[in-house]
């Protein structure tokens, strides 16, 4: 069992520089305020962006930098993350991701990835 399995992340789709993943957020994903922990959301976007990069043929990737902007608190239920490669260079790839819940944007992220080889 890997980390994404432990967290409960499911990959719905990953192809051509894009990915979609989901999480059924439950009690174990919440902070003391009763909303989804920011670290859980950061894990989701990192996983989705990495999956999008892998579809470009880079194989193994590593996150160099990532910024997450939290727009609304997420609550228990389904979170969906859509990630898309924005610019792929020889060694560096820029990816964006959006986290939605019930069609409401709850977070936006941008990340820089590189080949781990």
N, C-alpha and C. Protein backbone atom coordinates (compact mmCIF):
# COMPACT_ATOMS: atom_id res chain seq x y z
N UNK A 1 0.85 -1.18 0.00
CA UNK A 1 0.00 0.00 0.00
C UNK A 1 0.89 1.24 0.00
N UNK A 2 0.65 2.15 -0.91
CA UNK A 2 1.42 3.38 -1.00
C UNK A 2 0.74 4.53 -0.28
N UNK A 3 1.40 5.68 -0.30
CA UNK A 3 0.90 6.86 0.39
C UNK A 3 -0.46 7.30 -0.14
N UNK A 4 -0.64 7.33 -1.45
CA UNK A 4 -1.93 7.78 -2.00
C UNK A 4 -3.06 6.84 -1.59
N UNK A 5 -2.76 5.54 -1.48
CA UNK A 5 -3.76 4.59 -1.00
C UNK A 5 -4.11 4.88 0.46
N UNK A 6 -3.09 5.18 1.25
CA UNK A 6 -3.30 5.49 2.67
C UNK A 6 -4.19 6.72 2.85
N UNK A 7 -3.97 7.71 2.01
CA UNK A 7 -4.75 8.95 2.08
C UNK A 7 -6.16 8.75 1.53
N UNK A 8 -6.30 7.86 0.53
CA UNK A 8 -7.60 7.60 -0.07
C UNK A 8 -7.79 8.26 -1.42
N UNK A 9 -6.69 8.63 -2.08
CA UNK A 9 -6.75 9.29 -3.38
C UNK A 9 -7.03 8.27 -4.48
N UNK A 10 -7.95 8.64 -5.38
CA UNK A 10 -8.28 7.79 -6.53
C UNK A 10 -8.01 8.57 -7.80
N UNK A 11 -7.26 7.96 -8.74
CA UNK A 11 -7.01 8.59 -10.03
C UNK A 11 -8.15 8.21 -10.96
N UNK A 12 -8.89 9.24 -11.42
CA UNK A 12 -9.99 9.00 -12.36
C UNK A 12 -9.50 8.93 -13.80
N UNK A 13 -8.54 9.81 -14.14
CA UNK A 13 -8.10 9.92 -15.52
C UNK A 13 -6.73 10.58 -15.55
N UNK A 14 -5.89 10.15 -16.46
CA UNK A 14 -4.59 10.78 -16.66
C UNK A 14 -4.14 10.51 -18.09
N UNK A 15 -4.13 11.56 -18.91
CA UNK A 15 -3.70 11.42 -20.29
C UNK A 15 -3.39 12.78 -20.90
N UNK A 16 -2.43 12.80 -21.82
CA UNK A 16 -2.10 13.97 -22.63
C UNK A 16 -1.91 15.26 -21.82
N UNK A 17 -1.09 15.20 -20.77
CA UNK A 17 -0.79 16.40 -20.00
C UNK A 17 -1.87 16.82 -19.03
N UNK A 18 -2.81 15.94 -18.76
CA UNK A 18 -3.91 16.25 -17.85
C UNK A 18 -4.13 15.07 -16.90
N UNK A 19 -4.71 15.40 -15.74
CA UNK A 19 -5.14 14.33 -14.85
C UNK A 19 -6.34 14.81 -14.04
N UNK A 20 -7.09 13.86 -13.56
CA UNK A 20 -8.22 14.13 -12.66
C UNK A 20 -8.16 13.09 -11.56
N UNK A 21 -8.13 13.58 -10.32
CA UNK A 21 -8.16 12.68 -9.18
C UNK A 21 -9.26 13.12 -8.23
N UNK A 22 -9.61 12.21 -7.33
CA UNK A 22 -10.67 12.55 -6.37
C UNK A 22 -10.34 11.97 -5.01
N UNK A 23 -10.97 12.58 -4.03
CA UNK A 23 -10.84 12.13 -2.65
C UNK A 23 -12.20 12.23 -1.99
N UNK A 24 -12.59 11.16 -1.34
CA UNK A 24 -13.79 11.19 -0.50
C UNK A 24 -13.31 11.62 0.89
N UNK A 25 -13.38 12.90 1.16
CA UNK A 25 -12.88 13.43 2.42
C UNK A 25 -13.81 13.03 3.56
N UNK A 26 -13.21 12.45 4.58
CA UNK A 26 -13.95 12.04 5.76
C UNK A 26 -13.32 12.61 7.01
N UNK A 27 -13.71 12.09 8.14
CA UNK A 27 -13.23 12.60 9.43
C UNK A 27 -11.70 12.61 9.54
N UNK A 28 -11.04 11.62 8.97
CA UNK A 28 -9.58 11.55 9.09
C UNK A 28 -8.85 12.63 8.30
N UNK A 29 -9.56 13.33 7.40
CA UNK A 29 -8.95 14.38 6.59
C UNK A 29 -9.22 15.78 7.15
N UNK A 30 -9.90 15.87 8.29
CA UNK A 30 -10.33 17.17 8.81
C UNK A 30 -9.35 17.77 9.80
N UNK A 31 -9.36 19.08 9.88
CA UNK A 31 -8.60 19.80 10.90
C UNK A 31 -9.51 20.03 12.11
N UNK A 32 -9.00 20.64 13.18
CA UNK A 32 -9.85 20.86 14.36
C UNK A 32 -11.08 21.73 14.11
N UNK A 33 -11.06 22.54 13.05
CA UNK A 33 -12.21 23.38 12.72
C UNK A 33 -13.32 22.62 11.99
N UNK A 34 -13.04 21.35 11.62
CA UNK A 34 -14.05 20.54 10.94
C UNK A 34 -14.04 20.68 9.43
N UNK A 35 -13.01 21.34 8.87
CA UNK A 35 -12.87 21.44 7.42
C UNK A 35 -11.67 20.61 6.98
N UNK A 36 -11.58 20.35 5.68
CA UNK A 36 -10.50 19.51 5.17
C UNK A 36 -9.16 20.21 5.41
N UNK A 37 -8.23 19.48 5.99
CA UNK A 37 -6.91 19.99 6.33
C UNK A 37 -6.19 20.48 5.08
N UNK A 38 -5.52 21.61 5.17
CA UNK A 38 -4.77 22.16 4.05
C UNK A 38 -3.72 21.21 3.53
N UNK A 39 -3.13 20.42 4.41
CA UNK A 39 -2.14 19.44 3.99
C UNK A 39 -2.74 18.34 3.12
N UNK A 40 -3.99 17.99 3.38
CA UNK A 40 -4.67 17.00 2.54
C UNK A 40 -4.90 17.57 1.15
N UNK A 41 -5.29 18.83 1.08
CA UNK A 41 -5.50 19.47 -0.22
C UNK A 41 -4.18 19.61 -0.95
N UNK A 42 -3.11 19.98 -0.25
CA UNK A 42 -1.79 20.08 -0.88
C UNK A 42 -1.34 18.72 -1.42
N UNK A 43 -1.62 17.66 -0.69
CA UNK A 43 -1.29 16.31 -1.16
C UNK A 43 -2.06 15.99 -2.43
N UNK A 44 -3.33 16.36 -2.47
CA UNK A 44 -4.14 16.11 -3.66
C UNK A 44 -3.58 16.81 -4.88
N UNK A 45 -3.28 18.11 -4.77
CA UNK A 45 -2.81 18.84 -5.94
C UNK A 45 -1.43 18.36 -6.37
N UNK A 46 -0.56 18.03 -5.42
CA UNK A 46 0.76 17.52 -5.76
C UNK A 46 0.64 16.21 -6.52
N UNK A 47 -0.23 15.34 -6.06
CA UNK A 47 -0.45 14.05 -6.72
C UNK A 47 -1.03 14.24 -8.12
N UNK A 48 -2.02 15.12 -8.26
CA UNK A 48 -2.65 15.35 -9.56
C UNK A 48 -1.68 15.99 -10.55
N UNK A 49 -0.91 16.97 -10.09
CA UNK A 49 0.04 17.62 -10.99
C UNK A 49 1.14 16.64 -11.40
N UNK A 50 1.63 15.83 -10.48
CA UNK A 50 2.63 14.83 -10.83
C UNK A 50 2.10 13.82 -11.84
N UNK A 51 0.84 13.41 -11.67
CA UNK A 51 0.23 12.48 -12.61
C UNK A 51 0.11 13.10 -14.00
N UNK A 52 -0.21 14.39 -14.07
CA UNK A 52 -0.30 15.07 -15.36
C UNK A 52 1.06 15.13 -16.04
N UNK A 53 2.10 15.40 -15.28
CA UNK A 53 3.46 15.46 -15.84
C UNK A 53 3.86 14.09 -16.38
N UNK A 54 3.55 13.05 -15.65
CA UNK A 54 3.94 11.69 -16.08
C UNK A 54 3.32 11.32 -17.42
N UNK A 55 2.16 11.87 -17.76
CA UNK A 55 1.53 11.55 -19.04
C UNK A 55 2.29 12.14 -20.22
N UNK A 56 3.22 13.05 -19.96
CA UNK A 56 4.00 13.66 -21.04
C UNK A 56 5.23 12.83 -21.40
N UNK A 57 5.42 11.71 -20.72
CA UNK A 57 6.53 10.81 -21.02
C UNK A 57 7.74 11.01 -20.16
N UNK A 58 7.65 11.85 -19.12
CA UNK A 58 8.80 12.09 -18.26
C UNK A 58 9.08 10.92 -17.32
N UNK A 59 8.17 9.99 -17.21
CA UNK A 59 8.39 8.86 -16.31
C UNK A 59 8.37 9.31 -14.87
N UNK A 60 9.50 9.22 -14.21
CA UNK A 60 9.61 9.62 -12.81
C UNK A 60 9.81 11.13 -12.70
N UNK A 61 9.01 11.78 -11.87
CA UNK A 61 9.11 13.23 -11.70
C UNK A 61 9.30 13.57 -10.23
N UNK A 62 9.74 14.79 -9.99
CA UNK A 62 9.89 15.28 -8.62
C UNK A 62 9.37 16.72 -8.57
N UNK A 63 8.70 17.03 -7.50
CA UNK A 63 8.20 18.39 -7.30
C UNK A 63 9.37 19.28 -6.87
N UNK A 64 9.55 20.38 -7.59
CA UNK A 64 10.59 21.35 -7.24
C UNK A 64 10.00 22.44 -6.36
N UNK A 65 8.80 22.89 -6.72
CA UNK A 65 8.14 23.99 -6.00
C UNK A 65 6.65 23.87 -6.23
N UNK A 66 5.86 24.29 -5.23
CA UNK A 66 4.41 24.23 -5.35
C UNK A 66 3.79 25.32 -4.49
N UNK A 67 2.80 26.00 -5.04
CA UNK A 67 2.05 27.00 -4.29
C UNK A 67 0.58 26.64 -4.36
N UNK A 68 -0.07 26.65 -3.21
CA UNK A 68 -1.50 26.37 -3.14
C UNK A 68 -2.19 27.60 -2.56
N UNK A 69 -3.22 28.05 -3.26
CA UNK A 69 -4.05 29.15 -2.77
C UNK A 69 -5.39 28.55 -2.36
N UNK A 70 -5.71 28.68 -1.08
CA UNK A 70 -6.97 28.14 -0.54
C UNK A 70 -8.02 29.22 -0.66
N UNK A 71 -9.09 28.94 -1.40
CA UNK A 71 -10.11 29.94 -1.72
C UNK A 71 -11.36 29.81 -0.86
N UNK A 72 -11.73 28.60 -0.53
CA UNK A 72 -12.91 28.32 0.30
C UNK A 72 -12.60 27.09 1.14
N UNK A 73 -13.18 27.00 2.34
CA UNK A 73 -12.96 25.77 3.11
C UNK A 73 -13.68 24.59 2.47
N UNK A 74 -12.99 23.46 2.42
CA UNK A 74 -13.61 22.23 1.92
C UNK A 74 -14.17 21.46 3.11
N UNK A 75 -15.26 20.78 2.88
CA UNK A 75 -15.95 20.04 3.93
C UNK A 75 -15.94 18.55 3.59
N UNK A 76 -16.33 17.69 4.53
CA UNK A 76 -16.39 16.27 4.20
C UNK A 76 -17.23 16.04 2.94
N UNK A 77 -16.76 15.15 2.10
CA UNK A 77 -17.43 14.86 0.83
C UNK A 77 -16.40 14.72 -0.28
N UNK A 78 -16.86 14.77 -1.51
CA UNK A 78 -16.01 14.53 -2.66
C UNK A 78 -15.26 15.79 -3.08
N UNK A 79 -13.95 15.66 -3.17
CA UNK A 79 -13.09 16.71 -3.72
C UNK A 79 -12.54 16.19 -5.04
N UNK A 80 -12.57 17.02 -6.08
CA UNK A 80 -12.06 16.66 -7.40
C UNK A 80 -10.94 17.62 -7.76
N UNK A 81 -9.84 17.09 -8.25
CA UNK A 81 -8.72 17.91 -8.68
C UNK A 81 -8.46 17.67 -10.15
N UNK A 82 -8.45 18.75 -10.93
CA UNK A 82 -8.08 18.70 -12.33
C UNK A 82 -6.75 19.41 -12.49
N UNK A 83 -5.79 18.72 -13.08
CA UNK A 83 -4.46 19.29 -13.29
C UNK A 83 -4.13 19.29 -14.77
N UNK A 84 -3.38 20.31 -15.20
CA UNK A 84 -3.00 20.42 -16.61
C UNK A 84 -1.59 20.98 -16.73
N UNK A 85 -0.80 20.34 -17.56
CA UNK A 85 0.53 20.86 -17.87
C UNK A 85 0.35 22.14 -18.67
N UNK A 86 1.02 23.21 -18.24
CA UNK A 86 0.94 24.51 -18.93
C UNK A 86 2.13 24.74 -19.83
N UNK A 87 3.32 24.30 -19.41
CA UNK A 87 4.54 24.51 -20.21
C UNK A 87 5.52 23.40 -19.88
N UNK A 88 5.94 22.70 -20.92
CA UNK A 88 6.92 21.62 -20.73
C UNK A 88 8.20 22.01 -21.42
N UNK A 89 9.27 22.06 -20.64
CA UNK A 89 10.59 22.32 -21.20
C UNK A 89 11.41 21.05 -21.21
N UNK A 90 12.69 21.19 -21.49
CA UNK A 90 13.55 20.01 -21.52
C UNK A 90 13.71 19.37 -20.14
N UNK A 91 13.79 20.21 -19.09
CA UNK A 91 13.99 19.67 -17.74
C UNK A 91 12.92 20.10 -16.75
N UNK A 92 12.24 21.21 -17.03
CA UNK A 92 11.28 21.79 -16.10
C UNK A 92 9.89 21.81 -16.74
N UNK A 93 8.88 21.44 -15.95
CA UNK A 93 7.49 21.47 -16.42
C UNK A 93 6.65 22.25 -15.41
N UNK A 94 5.82 23.14 -15.93
CA UNK A 94 4.91 23.94 -15.10
C UNK A 94 3.50 23.36 -15.23
N UNK A 95 2.84 23.17 -14.08
CA UNK A 95 1.53 22.55 -14.05
C UNK A 95 0.60 23.37 -13.15
N UNK A 96 -0.67 23.45 -13.52
CA UNK A 96 -1.69 24.09 -12.69
C UNK A 96 -2.74 23.07 -12.30
N UNK A 97 -3.38 23.31 -11.16
CA UNK A 97 -4.45 22.42 -10.69
C UNK A 97 -5.54 23.23 -10.01
N UNK A 98 -6.76 22.75 -10.14
CA UNK A 98 -7.91 23.33 -9.45
C UNK A 98 -8.61 22.25 -8.66
N UNK A 99 -8.98 22.59 -7.43
CA UNK A 99 -9.72 21.68 -6.56
C UNK A 99 -11.15 22.20 -6.47
N UNK A 100 -12.10 21.33 -6.76
CA UNK A 100 -13.51 21.72 -6.67
C UNK A 100 -14.25 20.76 -5.75
N UNK A 101 -15.32 21.31 -5.18
CA UNK A 101 -16.25 20.51 -4.39
C UNK A 101 -17.64 21.02 -4.71
N UNK A 102 -18.49 20.12 -5.17
CA UNK A 102 -19.85 20.50 -5.58
C UNK A 102 -19.81 21.67 -6.56
N UNK A 103 -18.92 21.58 -7.54
CA UNK A 103 -18.74 22.58 -8.61
C UNK A 103 -18.28 23.95 -8.11
N UNK A 104 -17.80 24.05 -6.87
CA UNK A 104 -17.25 25.29 -6.34
C UNK A 104 -15.73 25.16 -6.23
N UNK A 105 -15.03 26.18 -6.72
CA UNK A 105 -13.57 26.19 -6.65
C UNK A 105 -13.14 26.45 -5.22
N UNK A 106 -12.40 25.49 -4.64
CA UNK A 106 -11.95 25.64 -3.25
C UNK A 106 -10.45 25.91 -3.14
N UNK A 107 -9.67 25.56 -4.19
CA UNK A 107 -8.23 25.83 -4.16
C UNK A 107 -7.67 25.84 -5.57
N UNK A 108 -6.61 26.61 -5.74
CA UNK A 108 -5.87 26.67 -7.00
C UNK A 108 -4.40 26.44 -6.66
N UNK A 109 -3.69 25.73 -7.53
CA UNK A 109 -2.27 25.46 -7.28
C UNK A 109 -1.48 25.57 -8.57
N UNK A 110 -0.22 25.90 -8.41
CA UNK A 110 0.73 25.89 -9.52
C UNK A 110 2.00 25.24 -8.99
N UNK A 111 2.59 24.41 -9.84
CA UNK A 111 3.79 23.70 -9.42
C UNK A 111 4.82 23.60 -10.50
N UNK A 112 6.05 23.42 -10.09
CA UNK A 112 7.19 23.21 -10.98
C UNK A 112 7.72 21.82 -10.71
N UNK A 113 7.88 21.06 -11.78
CA UNK A 113 8.34 19.67 -11.68
C UNK A 113 9.57 19.48 -12.57
N UNK A 114 10.39 18.51 -12.20
CA UNK A 114 11.55 18.14 -13.00
C UNK A 114 11.64 16.63 -13.06
N UNK A 115 12.39 16.17 -14.03
CA UNK A 115 12.62 14.74 -14.15
C UNK A 115 13.50 14.29 -13.00
N UNK A 116 13.15 13.18 -12.36
CA UNK A 116 13.92 12.65 -11.24
C UNK A 116 15.07 11.78 -11.73
N UNK A 117 15.19 11.61 -13.02
CA UNK A 117 16.25 10.74 -13.57
C UNK A 117 17.57 11.46 -13.63
